[in-house]
Each structure stands twice: as structure tokens, then as C-alpha cells.
Amino acid sequence: MKLVKVLVYALLTLIVAFLAAAQMGMLTGRQPADLGVKQGRLKAPSNTPNSVSSQADLFPDHPLRSDALIEALPLKHGDASASVQALVAALSSLPGVSVVEQRHDYVHAEARTPWLKFVDDMEFWVNPERQVIEVRSASRMGRKDFGVNRQRVETLRKAYLAGQANA
């Protein structure tokens, strides 16, 4: 019985320490240095199942290409500027999401989970060739995201498209 109490105490101590570390921002990870657009591409999907990318097909040898593939966002009336403005407005409507960088053809946002403060990087680039907004969203830490990045992008898509009539 004494061993059970010791194990329960140890487990509770670990849980409290983990939650304290999360609240102090120790689980946010570092922003990858290789974000952005290089030669018409956003960064490749992660090598673990915790990212989505509308450009996954550009990496045919990637082991998670088909799992990571997600549809790009359409431009609003073919207008890149209006589309980026609508995208930023949609991002601002999502809880825990903040825009870190905004240019005329590129947006980088961070999505922070409420309890554990994990950070996911979201990138968007207006692809002039395809006339779409390419999308990439990936977790900074962990191996799996349990579909969180895909779900967030699809929620963003709905918010972005709902503003379609206003564009």
C-alpha cells in the first residue's frame, strides 16, 4: 500500500511539473529558421504526422506526402491583396492564433494551444502561377498532432470563405 502512495505522489508531481513547464512557455519550441518561400515553395511537410501542406505533391518522395496534402485556399476574385487581407481577418478570428509576419504575398501566423501552450506555425503564400493561397501548418514539437493542424486549416478555410461575399 505504501508503494502505491509513493507512485501516486510521484505521478502527481510529474503532472504538476509538466503543467508548470507548459504555463512557463517551455513547450513552445523554437520557430524554424527555414520558414518562408524558397523557389516557389513553402517548407516541405514534416517527417512526422503533424503537418499539412497544399504543396505536399511537390515532394513526391516524401513519406507522408498523401497524409499531409490539403487543398489550397482560392483567391478572392483573383485579387491577391484582398485575399491576404481576408486571410488575416480570418486568422484573427481564430482563438490562440496571432499573425507574426504579413507581406503582400505571404503570411506567417502562430497558433498556440490554450493549456499546454504548444505552438504550430502556419504559413500562407499567394502563388501567382496557380492563383491560389498555398497553405502549410505544422507543429513545432511532438510527433503527432491528432489532426489538429488539418482541423485548424479547415476551420480557417470556412472563416475565410464566409467572408467571400464581402470581398
Protein backbone atom coordinates (compact mmCIF):
# COMPACT_ATOMS: atom_id res chain seq x y z
CA MET A 1 0.00 0.00 0.00
CA LYS A 2 2.88 2.34 0.80
CA LEU A 3 4.37 1.74 -2.67
CA VAL A 4 1.07 2.72 -4.30
CA LYS A 5 1.02 6.01 -2.38
CA VAL A 6 4.60 6.75 -3.42
CA LEU A 7 3.79 6.02 -7.07
CA VAL A 8 0.65 8.18 -6.99
CA TYR A 9 2.61 11.03 -5.37
CA ALA A 10 5.38 10.70 -7.97
CA LEU A 11 2.86 10.71 -10.81
CA LEU A 12 1.06 13.76 -9.45
CA THR A 13 4.39 15.55 -9.03
CA LEU A 14 5.29 14.83 -12.66
CA ILE A 15 1.92 16.07 -13.88
CA VAL A 16 2.19 19.30 -11.89
CA ALA A 17 5.77 19.84 -13.12
CA PHE A 18 4.68 19.24 -16.74
CA LEU A 19 1.78 21.69 -16.46
CA ALA A 20 4.00 24.27 -14.78
CA ALA A 21 6.57 23.93 -17.57
CA ALA A 22 3.79 24.40 -20.13
CA GLN A 23 2.48 27.53 -18.45
CA MET A 24 6.00 28.98 -18.36
CA GLY A 25 6.28 28.52 -22.13
CA MET A 26 8.79 25.68 -22.05
CA LEU A 27 6.76 23.62 -24.56
CA THR A 28 6.51 26.26 -27.29
CA GLY A 29 9.54 25.09 -29.24
CA ARG A 30 11.60 27.33 -31.46
CA GLN A 31 10.45 28.93 -34.67
CA PRO A 32 12.07 27.05 -37.55
CA ALA A 33 14.74 29.10 -39.29
CA ASP A 34 13.72 27.84 -42.73
CA LEU A 35 10.16 29.19 -42.96
CA GLY A 36 9.14 31.31 -45.92
CA VAL A 37 9.00 30.84 -49.67
CA LYS A 38 12.05 29.49 -51.45
CA GLN A 39 11.95 28.86 -55.20
CA GLY A 40 8.15 28.95 -55.23
CA ARG A 41 7.76 26.52 -52.35
CA LEU A 42 6.88 26.62 -48.72
CA LYS A 43 8.81 24.30 -46.42
CA ALA A 44 8.14 20.58 -47.02
CA PRO A 45 5.70 18.76 -44.74
CA SER A 46 7.15 17.43 -41.50
CA ASN A 47 8.62 13.93 -41.46
CA THR A 48 6.20 13.09 -38.67
CA PRO A 49 2.39 13.08 -38.89
CA ASN A 50 1.88 16.59 -37.52
CA SER A 51 1.61 18.88 -40.54
CA VAL A 52 -0.43 19.69 -43.63
CA SER A 53 0.62 21.34 -46.87
CA SER A 54 -1.12 22.28 -50.10
CA GLN A 55 2.26 21.77 -51.79
CA ALA A 56 2.87 18.24 -50.50
CA ASP A 57 2.73 16.90 -54.07
CA LEU A 58 5.85 18.94 -54.90
CA PHE A 59 7.74 16.49 -52.69
CA PRO A 60 6.95 13.14 -54.40
CA ASP A 61 9.44 11.13 -52.34
CA HIS A 62 8.16 12.45 -49.02
CA PRO A 63 6.97 9.51 -46.87
CA LEU A 64 3.87 11.37 -45.59
CA ARG A 65 3.02 13.27 -48.77
CA SER A 66 -0.51 11.90 -49.17
CA ASP A 67 -1.31 12.26 -45.46
CA ALA A 68 -0.12 15.88 -45.41
CA LEU A 69 -1.86 17.03 -48.59
CA ILE A 70 -4.56 19.66 -48.10
CA GLU A 71 -6.32 21.91 -50.58
CA ALA A 72 -5.01 25.46 -51.13
CA LEU A 73 -7.26 28.45 -50.49
CA PRO A 74 -8.82 30.14 -53.52
CA LEU A 75 -8.06 33.77 -54.26
CA LYS A 76 -10.94 36.16 -53.76
CA HIS A 77 -11.94 37.42 -57.20
CA GLY A 78 -8.37 36.82 -58.39
CA ASP A 79 -7.14 39.66 -56.17
CA ALA A 80 -4.06 38.79 -54.09
CA SER A 81 -4.23 41.90 -51.91
CA ALA A 82 -7.90 41.42 -50.98
CA SER A 83 -7.25 37.74 -50.41
CA VAL A 84 -4.38 38.39 -47.99
CA GLN A 85 -6.50 40.94 -46.12
CA ALA A 86 -9.37 38.44 -45.86
CA LEU A 87 -6.93 35.73 -44.75
CA VAL A 88 -5.52 37.92 -41.97
CA ALA A 89 -9.06 38.79 -40.83
CA ALA A 90 -9.98 35.09 -40.77
CA LEU A 91 -6.79 34.22 -38.87
CA SER A 92 -7.57 36.94 -36.33
CA SER A 93 -10.96 35.34 -35.70
CA LEU A 94 -9.41 32.04 -34.60
CA PRO A 95 -8.68 31.62 -30.88
CA GLY A 96 -5.00 31.41 -29.99
CA VAL A 97 -3.81 32.50 -33.45
CA SER A 98 -1.63 35.56 -33.98
CA VAL A 99 -0.09 36.92 -37.16
CA VAL A 100 3.70 37.13 -36.85
CA GLU A 101 4.57 38.39 -40.33
CA GLN A 102 2.48 39.83 -43.12
CA ARG A 103 3.65 40.83 -46.58
CA HIS A 104 1.70 41.42 -49.78
CA ASP A 105 2.05 37.75 -50.78
CA TYR A 106 3.00 35.89 -47.58
CA VAL A 107 1.63 35.47 -44.05
CA HIS A 108 3.16 33.62 -41.11
CA ALA A 109 0.96 33.01 -38.08
CA GLU A 110 1.39 31.09 -34.85
CA ALA A 111 -1.34 29.03 -33.23
CA ARG A 112 -0.94 28.43 -29.51
CA THR A 113 -2.91 25.78 -27.63
CA PRO A 114 -4.66 27.11 -24.52
CA TRP A 115 -3.44 24.73 -21.80
CA LEU A 116 -0.08 23.37 -22.83
CA LYS A 117 0.96 26.37 -24.95
CA PHE A 118 2.22 24.22 -27.83
CA VAL A 119 2.88 26.37 -30.92
CA ASP A 120 2.11 25.46 -34.52
CA ASP A 121 3.45 27.53 -37.42
CA MET A 122 1.02 28.42 -40.19
CA GLU A 123 2.30 29.77 -43.50
CA PHE A 124 0.40 31.14 -46.47
CA TRP A 125 1.77 32.24 -49.82
CA VAL A 126 -0.05 33.71 -52.81
CA ASN A 127 1.05 31.51 -55.69
CA PRO A 128 0.76 33.67 -58.82
CA GLU A 129 1.04 30.69 -61.16
CA ARG A 130 -1.78 28.67 -59.64
CA GLN A 131 -3.79 31.71 -58.49
CA VAL A 132 -4.30 30.23 -55.00
CA ILE A 133 -3.03 30.74 -51.49
CA GLU A 134 -0.70 27.87 -50.67
CA VAL A 135 -1.01 26.62 -47.10
CA ARG A 136 1.35 24.92 -44.67
CA SER A 137 0.66 24.28 -40.99
CA ALA A 138 2.97 22.26 -38.76
CA SER A 139 3.57 21.55 -35.10
CA ARG A 140 6.90 22.66 -33.68
CA MET A 141 7.06 19.87 -31.13
CA GLY A 142 5.86 16.31 -30.87
CA ARG A 143 5.43 13.50 -33.33
CA LYS A 144 1.65 13.53 -33.78
CA ASP A 145 -0.89 16.30 -33.71
CA PHE A 146 -4.01 14.08 -33.84
CA GLY A 147 -5.31 16.09 -36.82
CA VAL A 148 -5.16 19.48 -35.09
CA ASN A 149 -3.35 21.26 -37.95
CA ARG A 150 -5.76 19.90 -40.56
CA GLN A 151 -8.78 20.80 -38.43
CA ARG A 152 -7.44 24.33 -37.81
CA VAL A 153 -6.82 24.92 -41.52
CA GLU A 154 -10.32 23.68 -42.37
CA THR A 155 -11.80 25.96 -39.70
CA LEU A 156 -9.77 28.81 -41.17
CA ARG A 157 -11.00 27.88 -44.67
CA LYS A 158 -14.62 28.22 -43.51
CA ALA A 159 -13.96 31.62 -41.91
CA TYR A 160 -12.04 32.80 -44.99
CA LEU A 161 -14.72 31.64 -47.42
CA ALA A 162 -17.52 33.06 -45.26
CA GLY A 163 -16.03 36.48 -45.91
CA GLN A 164 -16.12 35.71 -49.68
CA ALA A 165 -19.28 37.77 -50.24
CA ASN A 166 -17.65 40.74 -48.53
CA ALA A 167 -14.59 40.74 -50.79
